[in-house]
């Protein structure tokens, strides 16, 4: 499964990156879920789950 990647500019550059680096994976996923379209989030979630399964 291939997922289309769309890059969008960060709202505040360095500050957002520093904040993201201090968040847990669960917090980052929650932000992604809230900020993305549901169908995009589902595709990304499936792709990540498939990658995780391959690593096990």
N, C-alpha and C. Protein backbone atom coordinates (compact mmCIF):
# COMPACT_ATOMS: atom_id res chain seq x y z
N UNK A 1 0.85 -1.18 0.00
CA UNK A 1 0.00 0.00 0.00
C UNK A 1 0.89 1.23 0.00
N UNK A 2 0.61 2.13 -0.89
CA UNK A 2 1.38 3.37 -0.96
C UNK A 2 0.51 4.53 -0.51
N UNK A 3 1.08 5.40 0.29
CA UNK A 3 0.35 6.54 0.83
C UNK A 3 0.87 7.81 0.21
N UNK A 4 -0.03 8.62 -0.30
CA UNK A 4 0.35 9.91 -0.88
C UNK A 4 0.77 10.85 0.24
N UNK A 5 1.89 11.52 0.03
CA UNK A 5 2.38 12.47 1.03
C UNK A 5 2.15 13.88 0.53
N UNK A 6 1.48 14.68 1.34
CA UNK A 6 1.28 16.08 1.02
C UNK A 6 1.96 16.91 2.09
N UNK A 7 2.88 17.76 1.68
CA UNK A 7 3.58 18.60 2.63
C UNK A 7 2.83 19.91 2.80
N UNK A 8 2.68 20.31 4.04
CA UNK A 8 2.07 21.60 4.33
C UNK A 8 2.99 22.38 5.23
N UNK A 9 3.05 23.68 5.06
CA UNK A 9 3.96 24.47 5.90
C UNK A 9 3.52 24.47 7.35
N UNK A 10 4.49 24.45 8.24
CA UNK A 10 4.19 24.55 9.68
C UNK A 10 3.80 25.98 9.98
N UNK A 11 2.97 26.13 10.98
CA UNK A 11 2.49 27.47 11.29
C UNK A 11 3.54 28.33 11.96
N UNK A 12 4.47 27.70 12.69
CA UNK A 12 5.41 28.50 13.45
C UNK A 12 6.84 27.97 13.39
N UNK A 13 7.13 27.09 12.44
CA UNK A 13 8.49 26.63 12.23
C UNK A 13 9.15 25.97 13.42
N UNK A 14 10.20 26.59 13.94
CA UNK A 14 11.05 26.01 14.97
C UNK A 14 10.29 25.69 16.25
N UNK A 15 9.43 26.58 16.69
CA UNK A 15 8.68 26.35 17.93
C UNK A 15 7.82 25.09 17.83
N UNK A 16 7.16 24.89 16.69
CA UNK A 16 6.34 23.70 16.51
C UNK A 16 7.20 22.44 16.53
N UNK A 17 8.36 22.50 15.90
CA UNK A 17 9.25 21.34 15.86
C UNK A 17 9.73 21.00 17.27
N UNK A 18 10.12 21.99 18.04
CA UNK A 18 10.58 21.76 19.41
C UNK A 18 9.46 21.16 20.25
N UNK A 19 8.26 21.67 20.08
CA UNK A 19 7.11 21.15 20.83
C UNK A 19 6.84 19.70 20.44
N UNK A 20 6.88 19.40 19.15
CA UNK A 20 6.62 18.04 18.67
C UNK A 20 7.67 17.07 19.19
N UNK A 21 8.90 17.50 19.29
CA UNK A 21 9.97 16.62 19.78
C UNK A 21 9.77 16.25 21.24
N UNK A 22 9.03 17.06 21.99
CA UNK A 22 8.80 16.79 23.41
C UNK A 22 7.50 16.03 23.67
N UNK A 23 6.72 15.77 22.64
CA UNK A 23 5.46 15.06 22.82
C UNK A 23 5.67 13.56 22.67
N UNK A 24 4.82 12.80 23.34
CA UNK A 24 4.87 11.34 23.20
C UNK A 24 4.29 10.96 21.84
N UNK A 25 4.53 9.73 21.43
CA UNK A 25 3.97 9.25 20.17
C UNK A 25 2.44 9.31 20.22
N UNK A 26 1.86 8.95 21.36
CA UNK A 26 0.40 9.01 21.50
C UNK A 26 -0.13 10.43 21.31
N UNK A 27 0.59 11.40 21.87
CA UNK A 27 0.17 12.79 21.72
C UNK A 27 0.29 13.24 20.27
N UNK A 28 1.35 12.83 19.59
CA UNK A 28 1.53 13.20 18.18
C UNK A 28 0.44 12.58 17.32
N UNK A 29 0.10 11.33 17.58
CA UNK A 29 -0.97 10.67 16.83
C UNK A 29 -2.30 11.38 17.07
N UNK A 30 -2.55 11.79 18.29
CA UNK A 30 -3.79 12.51 18.60
C UNK A 30 -3.88 13.82 17.84
N UNK A 31 -2.76 14.53 17.75
CA UNK A 31 -2.73 15.78 16.98
C UNK A 31 -2.98 15.48 15.51
N UNK A 32 -2.33 14.46 14.99
CA UNK A 32 -2.52 14.09 13.59
C UNK A 32 -3.97 13.73 13.32
N UNK A 33 -4.56 12.96 14.21
CA UNK A 33 -5.97 12.55 14.04
C UNK A 33 -6.89 13.78 14.02
N UNK A 34 -6.64 14.72 14.90
CA UNK A 34 -7.50 15.91 15.00
C UNK A 34 -7.31 16.86 13.83
N UNK A 35 -6.10 16.92 13.27
CA UNK A 35 -5.78 17.91 12.25
C UNK A 35 -5.91 17.40 10.82
N UNK A 36 -6.13 16.10 10.63
CA UNK A 36 -6.19 15.57 9.27
C UNK A 36 -7.60 15.15 8.92
N UNK A 37 -7.80 14.93 7.63
CA UNK A 37 -9.10 14.42 7.19
C UNK A 37 -9.19 12.96 7.62
N UNK A 38 -10.35 12.51 8.06
CA UNK A 38 -10.48 11.13 8.57
C UNK A 38 -10.00 10.06 7.59
N UNK A 39 -10.30 10.22 6.30
CA UNK A 39 -9.87 9.21 5.33
C UNK A 39 -8.35 9.20 5.17
N UNK A 40 -7.71 10.35 5.25
CA UNK A 40 -6.25 10.41 5.19
C UNK A 40 -5.65 9.76 6.43
N UNK A 41 -6.21 10.05 7.59
CA UNK A 41 -5.69 9.47 8.83
C UNK A 41 -5.81 7.95 8.79
N UNK A 42 -6.93 7.43 8.32
CA UNK A 42 -7.12 5.98 8.25
C UNK A 42 -6.09 5.32 7.35
N UNK A 43 -5.80 5.94 6.20
CA UNK A 43 -4.79 5.38 5.29
C UNK A 43 -3.41 5.37 5.93
N UNK A 44 -3.06 6.46 6.60
CA UNK A 44 -1.75 6.54 7.26
C UNK A 44 -1.68 5.53 8.40
N UNK A 45 -2.75 5.44 9.17
CA UNK A 45 -2.78 4.49 10.30
C UNK A 45 -2.59 3.06 9.80
N UNK A 46 -3.25 2.69 8.70
CA UNK A 46 -3.12 1.36 8.13
C UNK A 46 -1.70 1.11 7.64
N UNK A 47 -1.10 2.10 6.99
CA UNK A 47 0.27 1.95 6.49
C UNK A 47 1.25 1.77 7.65
N UNK A 48 1.08 2.53 8.71
CA UNK A 48 1.97 2.41 9.87
C UNK A 48 1.79 1.06 10.55
N UNK A 49 0.57 0.59 10.66
CA UNK A 49 0.31 -0.72 11.27
C UNK A 49 0.96 -1.83 10.44
N UNK A 50 0.89 -1.73 9.12
CA UNK A 50 1.51 -2.72 8.25
C UNK A 50 3.03 -2.72 8.41
N UNK A 51 3.62 -1.54 8.49
CA UNK A 51 5.07 -1.44 8.69
C UNK A 51 5.48 -2.03 10.03
N UNK A 52 4.68 -1.74 11.06
CA UNK A 52 4.98 -2.26 12.39
C UNK A 52 4.91 -3.79 12.39
N UNK A 53 3.92 -4.35 11.70
CA UNK A 53 3.78 -5.80 11.63
C UNK A 53 4.98 -6.44 10.93
N UNK A 54 5.51 -5.79 9.90
CA UNK A 54 6.69 -6.30 9.20
C UNK A 54 7.92 -6.30 10.09
N UNK A 55 8.00 -5.35 11.01
CA UNK A 55 9.16 -5.26 11.90
C UNK A 55 9.16 -6.33 12.98
N UNK A 56 8.00 -6.89 13.27
CA UNK A 56 7.89 -7.89 14.34
C UNK A 56 8.32 -9.25 13.89
